[in-house]
Amino acid sequence: MIPLAVLGDGNEGIIKKVAGKPEVKKHLENLGFIVGDTVNVITEQNGNIIVKVKEARIAVSKEMAMKIYV
């Protein structure tokens, strides 16, 4: 299990765990980061990680990406 932030451009993973305070976990779940779902890292720009999850492109900060484990 590794944080999403270190997965690397163009790689895909299955979300294994979402860490953090309950409000952070809920926010990430609302964005589509659900345990068991697939996430694709598109690229990293200006400290943000751009991912594809549930057919949507989402930018999350590196700090948030460290809370999502694949």
PDB file of N, CA and C in Angstrom:
ATOM      1  N   MET A   1       0.847  -1.171   0.000  1.00  0.00           N
ATOM      2  CA  MET A   1       0.000   0.000   0.000  1.00  0.00           C
ATOM      3  C   MET A   1       0.898   1.241   0.000  1.00  0.00           C
ATOM      4  N   ILE A   2       0.646   2.139  -0.946  1.00  0.00           N
ATOM      5  CA  ILE A   2       1.422   3.375  -1.037  1.00  0.00           C
ATOM      6  C   ILE A   2       0.466   4.562  -1.184  1.00  0.00           C
ATOM      7  N   PRO A   3       0.908   5.769  -0.787  1.00  0.00           N
ATOM      8  CA  PRO A   3       0.066   6.953  -0.975  1.00  0.00           C
ATOM      9  C   PRO A   3      -0.100   7.266  -2.461  1.00  0.00           C
ATOM     10  N   LEU A   4      -1.234   7.785  -2.818  1.00  0.00           N
ATOM     11  CA  LEU A   4      -1.526   8.172  -4.196  1.00  0.00           C
ATOM     12  C   LEU A   4      -0.485   9.158  -4.725  1.00  0.00           C
ATOM     13  N   ALA A   5       0.045  10.001  -3.867  1.00  0.00           N
ATOM     14  CA  ALA A   5       1.005  11.029  -4.276  1.00  0.00           C
ATOM     15  C   ALA A   5       2.292  10.451  -4.848  1.00  0.00           C
ATOM     16  N   VAL A   6       2.633   9.215  -4.513  1.00  0.00           N
ATOM     17  CA  VAL A   6       3.873   8.617  -5.014  1.00  0.00           C
ATOM     18  C   VAL A   6       3.622   7.563  -6.090  1.00  0.00           C
ATOM     19  N   LEU A   7       2.393   7.422  -6.535  1.00  0.00           N
ATOM     20  CA  LEU A   7       2.055   6.411  -7.541  1.00  0.00           C
ATOM     21  C   LEU A   7       2.717   6.713  -8.879  1.00  0.00           C
ATOM     22  N   GLY A   8       2.772   7.969  -9.258  1.00  0.00           N
ATOM     23  CA  GLY A   8       3.454   8.342 -10.499  1.00  0.00           C
ATOM     24  C   GLY A   8       2.504   8.561 -11.661  1.00  0.00           C
ATOM     25  N   ASP A   9       2.919   9.452 -12.567  1.00  0.00           N
ATOM     26  CA  ASP A   9       2.111   9.800 -13.745  1.00  0.00           C
ATOM     27  C   ASP A   9       1.806   8.573 -14.590  1.00  0.00           C
ATOM     28  N   GLY A  10       0.557   8.491 -15.039  1.00  0.00           N
ATOM     29  CA  GLY A  10       0.151   7.425 -15.944  1.00  0.00           C
ATOM     30  C   GLY A  10      -0.144   6.095 -15.282  1.00  0.00           C
ATOM     31  N   ASN A  11      -0.002   6.009 -13.979  1.00  0.00           N
ATOM     32  CA  ASN A  11      -0.243   4.743 -13.281  1.00  0.00           C
ATOM     33  C   ASN A  11      -1.648   4.679 -12.702  1.00  0.00           C
ATOM     34  N   GLU A  12      -2.100   3.455 -12.497  1.00  0.00           N
ATOM     35  CA  GLU A  12      -3.447   3.193 -12.004  1.00  0.00           C
ATOM     36  C   GLU A  12      -3.350   2.365 -10.733  1.00  0.00           C
ATOM     37  N   GLY A  13      -4.280   2.594  -9.826  1.00  0.00           N
ATOM     38  CA  GLY A  13      -4.327   1.805  -8.606  1.00  0.00           C
ATOM     39  C   GLY A  13      -5.750   1.670  -8.108  1.00  0.00           C
ATOM     40  N   ILE A  14      -5.927   0.745  -7.195  1.00  0.00           N
ATOM     41  CA  ILE A  14      -7.227   0.551  -6.549  1.00  0.00           C
ATOM     42  C   ILE A  14      -7.123   1.138  -5.150  1.00  0.00           C
ATOM     43  N   ILE A  15      -8.072   1.976  -4.810  1.00  0.00           N
ATOM     44  CA  ILE A  15      -8.054   2.648  -3.503  1.00  0.00           C
ATOM     45  C   ILE A  15      -8.251   1.601  -2.412  1.00  0.00           C
ATOM     46  N   LYS A  16      -7.283   1.537  -1.504  1.00  0.00           N
ATOM     47  CA  LYS A  16      -7.313   0.562  -0.403  1.00  0.00           C
ATOM     48  C   LYS A  16      -7.758   1.198   0.911  1.00  0.00           C
ATOM     49  N   LYS A  17      -7.403   2.492   1.087  1.00  0.00           N
ATOM     50  CA  LYS A  17      -7.693   3.152   2.364  1.00  0.00           C
ATOM     51  C   LYS A  17      -7.710   4.658   2.157  1.00  0.00           C
ATOM     52  N   VAL A  18      -8.614   5.330   2.866  1.00  0.00           N
ATOM     53  CA  VAL A  18      -8.633   6.790   2.903  1.00  0.00           C
ATOM     54  C   VAL A  18      -8.431   7.171   4.364  1.00  0.00           C
ATOM     55  N   ALA A  19      -7.330   7.873   4.637  1.00  0.00           N
ATOM     56  CA  ALA A  19      -6.965   8.224   6.015  1.00  0.00           C
ATOM     57  C   ALA A  19      -7.341   9.677   6.307  1.00  0.00           C
ATOM     58  N   GLY A  20      -7.169  10.056   7.567  1.00  0.00           N
ATOM     59  CA  GLY A  20      -7.418  11.437   7.971  1.00  0.00           C
ATOM     60  C   GLY A  20      -8.572  11.559   8.941  1.00  0.00           C
ATOM     61  N   LYS A  21      -8.837  12.801   9.305  1.00  0.00           N
ATOM     62  CA  LYS A  21      -9.956  13.090  10.205  1.00  0.00           C
ATOM     63  C   LYS A  21     -11.264  12.743   9.498  1.00  0.00           C
ATOM     64  N   PRO A  22     -12.319  12.494  10.259  1.00  0.00           N
ATOM     65  CA  PRO A  22     -13.594  12.124   9.644  1.00  0.00           C
ATOM     66  C   PRO A  22     -14.083  13.109   8.579  1.00  0.00           C
ATOM     67  N   GLU A  23     -13.890  14.418   8.814  1.00  0.00           N
ATOM     68  CA  GLU A  23     -14.367  15.400   7.833  1.00  0.00           C
ATOM     69  C   GLU A  23     -13.533  15.354   6.552  1.00  0.00           C
ATOM     70  N   VAL A  24     -12.254  15.046   6.677  1.00  0.00           N
ATOM     71  CA  VAL A  24     -11.386  14.914   5.497  1.00  0.00           C
ATOM     72  C   VAL A  24     -11.777  13.674   4.708  1.00  0.00           C
ATOM     73  N   LYS A  25     -11.992  12.573   5.407  1.00  0.00           N
ATOM     74  CA  LYS A  25     -12.399  11.329   4.752  1.00  0.00           C
ATOM     75  C   LYS A  25     -13.719  11.521   4.010  1.00  0.00           C
ATOM     76  N   LYS A  26     -14.664  12.193   4.642  1.00  0.00           N
ATOM     77  CA  LYS A  26     -15.974  12.435   4.025  1.00  0.00           C
ATOM     78  C   LYS A  26     -15.820  13.308   2.781  1.00  0.00           C
ATOM     79  N   HIS A  27     -14.983  14.333   2.856  1.00  0.00           N
ATOM     80  CA  HIS A  27     -14.748  15.215   1.707  1.00  0.00           C
ATOM     81  C   HIS A  27     -14.171  14.416   0.532  1.00  0.00           C
ATOM     82  N   LEU A  28     -13.179  13.579   0.804  1.00  0.00           N
ATOM     83  CA  LEU A  28     -12.566  12.776  -0.250  1.00  0.00           C
ATOM     84  C   LEU A  28     -13.565  11.769  -0.831  1.00  0.00           C
ATOM     85  N   GLU A  29     -14.392  11.177   0.017  1.00  0.00           N
ATOM     86  CA  GLU A  29     -15.432  10.262  -0.467  1.00  0.00           C
ATOM     87  C   GLU A  29     -16.423  10.996  -1.357  1.00  0.00           C
ATOM     88  N   ASN A  30     -16.777  12.218  -0.980  1.00  0.00           N
ATOM     89  CA  ASN A  30     -17.700  13.012  -1.798  1.00  0.00           C
ATOM     90  C   ASN A  30     -17.101  13.348  -3.162  1.00  0.00           C
ATOM     91  N   LEU A  31     -15.770  13.452  -3.237  1.00  0.00           N
ATOM     92  CA  LEU A  31     -15.103  13.699  -4.512  1.00  0.00           C
ATOM     93  C   LEU A  31     -15.035  12.438  -5.373  1.00  0.00           C
ATOM     94  N   GLY A  32     -15.277  11.276  -4.764  1.00  0.00           N
ATOM     95  CA  GLY A  32     -15.280  10.027  -5.521  1.00  0.00           C
ATOM     96  C   GLY A  32     -14.201   9.050  -5.127  1.00  0.00           C
ATOM     97  N   PHE A  33     -13.426   9.355  -4.095  1.00  0.00           N
ATOM     98  CA  PHE A  33     -12.362   8.459  -3.651  1.00  0.00           C
ATOM     99  C   PHE A  33     -12.945   7.434  -2.684  1.00  0.00           C
ATOM    100  N   ILE A  34     -13.476   6.347  -3.244  1.00  0.00           N
ATOM    101  CA  ILE A  34     -14.143   5.298  -2.485  1.00  0.00           C
ATOM    102  C   ILE A  34     -13.259   4.054  -2.474  1.00  0.00           C
ATOM    103  N   VAL A  35     -13.108   3.430  -1.301  1.00  0.00           N
ATOM    104  CA  VAL A  35     -12.313   2.209  -1.190  1.00  0.00           C
ATOM    105  C   VAL A  35     -12.858   1.160  -2.157  1.00  0.00           C
ATOM    106  N   GLY A  36     -11.950   0.565  -2.929  1.00  0.00           N
ATOM    107  CA  GLY A  36     -12.317  -0.450  -3.905  1.00  0.00           C
ATOM    108  C   GLY A  36     -12.422   0.071  -5.325  1.00  0.00           C
ATOM    109  N   ASP A  37     -12.517   1.386  -5.487  1.00  0.00           N
ATOM    110  CA  ASP A  37     -12.606   1.988  -6.824  1.00  0.00           C
ATOM    111  C   ASP A  37     -11.211   2.203  -7.403  1.00  0.00           C
ATOM    112  N   THR A  38     -11.174   2.324  -8.726  1.00  0.00           N
ATOM    113  CA  THR A  38      -9.924   2.548  -9.438  1.00  0.00           C
ATOM    114  C   THR A  38      -9.658   4.033  -9.589  1.00  0.00           C
ATOM    115  N   VAL A  39      -8.385   4.407  -9.491  1.00  0.00           N
ATOM    116  CA  VAL A  39      -7.969   5.792  -9.677  1.00  0.00           C
ATOM    117  C   VAL A  39      -6.752   5.795 -10.600  1.00  0.00           C
ATOM    118  N   ASN A  40      -6.729   6.737 -11.548  1.00  0.00           N
ATOM    119  CA  ASN A  40      -5.615   6.889 -12.483  1.00  0.00           C
ATOM    120  C   ASN A  40      -4.943   8.229 -12.233  1.00  0.00           C
ATOM    121  N   VAL A  41      -3.620   8.213 -12.105  1.00  0.00           N
ATOM    122  CA  VAL A  41      -2.871   9.459 -11.970  1.00  0.00           C
ATOM    123  C   VAL A  41      -2.584   9.965 -13.378  1.00  0.00           C
ATOM    124  N   ILE A  42      -3.062  11.154 -13.687  1.00  0.00           N
ATOM    125  CA  ILE A  42      -2.840  11.736 -15.008  1.00  0.00           C
ATOM    126  C   ILE A  42      -1.510  12.476 -15.015  1.00  0.00           C
ATOM    127  N   THR A  43      -1.329  13.408 -14.087  1.00  0.00           N
ATOM    128  CA  THR A  43      -0.078  14.163 -14.012  1.00  0.00           C
ATOM    129  C   THR A  43       0.001  14.906 -12.689  1.00  0.00           C
ATOM    130  N   GLU A  44       1.150  15.521 -12.458  1.00  0.00           N
ATOM    131  CA  GLU A  44       1.333  16.387 -11.293  1.00  0.00           C
ATOM    132  C   GLU A  44       1.691  17.774 -11.805  1.00  0.00           C
ATOM    133  N   GLN A  45       0.951  18.782 -11.318  1.00  0.00           N
ATOM    134  CA  GLN A  45       1.184  20.158 -11.748  1.00  0.00           C
ATOM    135  C   GLN A  45       1.134  21.089 -10.548  1.00  0.00           C
ATOM    136  N   ASN A  46       2.174  21.891 -10.401  1.00  0.00           N
ATOM    137  CA  ASN A  46       2.221  22.918  -9.353  1.00  0.00           C
ATOM    138  C   ASN A  46       1.878  22.383  -7.965  1.00  0.00           C
ATOM    139  N   GLY A  47       2.326  21.188  -7.650  1.00  0.00           N
ATOM    140  CA  GLY A  47       2.073  20.618  -6.333  1.00  0.00           C
ATOM    141  C   GLY A  47       0.730  19.932  -6.192  1.00  0.00           C
ATOM    142  N   ASN A  48      -0.063  19.912  -7.244  1.00  0.00           N
ATOM    143  CA  ASN A  48      -1.347  19.213  -7.231  1.00  0.00           C
ATOM    144  C   ASN A  48      -1.238  17.946  -8.063  1.00  0.00           C
ATOM    145  N   ILE A  49      -1.983  16.931  -7.666  1.00  0.00           N
ATOM    146  CA  ILE A  49      -2.030  15.675  -8.402  1.00  0.00           C
ATOM    147  C   ILE A  49      -3.360  15.659  -9.155  1.00  0.00           C
ATOM    148  N   ILE A  50      -3.297  15.488 -10.473  1.00  0.00           N
ATOM    149  CA  ILE A  50      -4.515  15.419 -11.279  1.00  0.00           C
ATOM    150  C   ILE A  50      -4.802  13.946 -11.550  1.00  0.00           C
ATOM    151  N   VAL A  51      -5.981  13.522 -11.132  1.00  0.00           N
ATOM    152  CA  VAL A  51      -6.355  12.114 -11.243  1.00  0.00           C
ATOM    153  C   VAL A  51      -7.677  11.959 -11.972  1.00  0.00           C
ATOM    154  N   LYS A  52      -7.913  10.757 -12.436  1.00  0.00           N
ATOM    155  CA  LYS A  52      -9.208  10.413 -13.022  1.00  0.00           C
ATOM    156  C   LYS A  52      -9.842   9.389 -12.095  1.00  0.00           C
ATOM    157  N   VAL A  53     -11.006   9.726 -11.597  1.00  0.00           N
ATOM    158  CA  VAL A  53     -11.746   8.825 -10.723  1.00  0.00           C
ATOM    159  C   VAL A  53     -13.217   8.935 -11.093  1.00  0.00           C
ATOM    160  N   LYS A  54     -13.859   7.812 -11.276  1.00  0.00           N
ATOM    161  CA  LYS A  54     -15.281   7.770 -11.669  1.00  0.00           C
ATOM    162  C   LYS A  54     -15.560   8.637 -12.892  1.00  0.00           C
ATOM    163  N   GLU A  55     -14.726   8.520 -13.924  1.00  0.00           N
ATOM    164  CA  GLU A  55     -14.888   9.240 -15.194  1.00  0.00           C
ATOM    165  C   GLU A  55     -14.797  10.761 -15.051  1.00  0.00           C
ATOM    166  N   ALA A  56     -14.267  11.239 -13.929  1.00  0.00           N
ATOM    167  CA  ALA A  56     -14.086  12.683 -13.731  1.00  0.00           C
ATOM    168  C   ALA A  56     -12.616  12.961 -13.452  1.00  0.00           C
ATOM    169  N   ARG A  57     -12.141  14.115 -13.908  1.00  0.00           N
ATOM    170  CA  ARG A  57     -10.780  14.544 -13.597  1.00  0.00           C
ATOM    171  C   ARG A  57     -10.843  15.468 -12.394  1.00  0.00           C
ATOM    172  N   ILE A  58     -10.007  15.164 -11.418  1.00  0.00           N
ATOM    173  CA  ILE A  58     -10.012  15.917 -10.169  1.00  0.00           C
ATOM    174  C   ILE A  58      -8.575  16.271  -9.812  1.00  0.00           C
ATOM    175  N   ALA A  59      -8.363  17.495  -9.339  1.00  0.00           N
ATOM    176  CA  ALA A  59      -7.057  17.903  -8.833  1.00  0.00           C
ATOM    177  C   ALA A  59      -7.119  17.904  -7.308  1.00  0.00           C
ATOM    178  N   VAL A  60      -6.187  17.195  -6.697  1.00  0.00           N
ATOM    179  CA  VAL A  60      -6.086  17.194  -5.236  1.00  0.00           C
ATOM    180  C   VAL A  60      -4.673  17.626  -4.858  1.00  0.00           C
ATOM    181  N   SER A  61      -4.554  18.272  -3.725  1.00  0.00           N
ATOM    182  CA  SER A  61      -3.233  18.700  -3.263  1.00  0.00           C
ATOM    183  C   SER A  61      -2.398  17.474  -2.916  1.00  0.00           C
ATOM    184  N   LYS A  62      -1.098  17.669  -2.918  1.00  0.00           N
ATOM    185  CA  LYS A  62      -0.198  16.565  -2.561  1.00  0.00           C
ATOM    186  C   LYS A  62      -0.494  16.100  -1.134  1.00  0.00           C
ATOM    187  N   GLU A  63      -0.842  17.051  -0.262  1.00  0.00           N
ATOM    188  CA  GLU A  63      -1.175  16.715   1.131  1.00  0.00           C
ATOM    189  C   GLU A  63      -2.376  15.771   1.188  1.00  0.00           C
ATOM    190  N   MET A  64      -3.416  16.075   0.406  1.00  0.00           N
ATOM    191  CA  MET A  64      -4.599  15.209   0.362  1.00  0.00           C
ATOM    192  C   MET A  64      -4.266  13.866  -0.281  1.00  0.00           C
ATOM    193  N   ALA A  65      -3.446  13.902  -1.326  1.00  0.00           N
ATOM    194  CA  ALA A  65      -3.075  12.666  -2.026  1.00  0.00           C
ATOM    195  C   ALA A  65      -2.284  11.727  -1.118  1.00  0.00           C
ATOM    196  N   MET A  66      -1.630  12.274  -0.106  1.00  0.00           N
ATOM    197  CA  MET A  66      -0.904  11.431   0.847  1.00  0.00           C
ATOM    198  C   MET A  66      -1.840  10.685   1.785  1.00  0.00           C
ATOM    199  N   LYS A  67      -3.111  11.072   1.829  1.00  0.00           N
ATOM    200  CA  LYS A  67      -4.092  10.426   2.687  1.00  0.00           C
ATOM    201  C   LYS A  67      -4.855   9.310   1.968  1.00  0.00           C
ATOM    202  N   ILE A  68      -4.626   9.185   0.653  1.00  0.00           N
ATOM    203  CA  ILE A  68      -5.313   8.171  -0.147  1.00  0.00           C
ATOM    204  C   ILE A  68      -4.307   7.079  -0.476  1.00  0.00           C
ATOM    205  N   TYR A  69      -4.579   5.872  -0.030  1.00  0.00           N
ATOM    206  CA  TYR A  69      -3.644   4.761  -0.234  1.00  0.00           C
ATOM    207  C   TYR A  69      -4.168   3.802  -1.296  1.00  0.00           C
ATOM    208  N   VAL A  70      -3.252   3.392  -2.177  1.00  0.00           N
ATOM    209  CA  VAL A  70      -3.600   2.452  -3.252  1.00  0.00           C
ATOM    210  C   VAL A  70      -2.715   1.215  -3.136  1.00  0.00           C
TER     211      VAL A  70
END
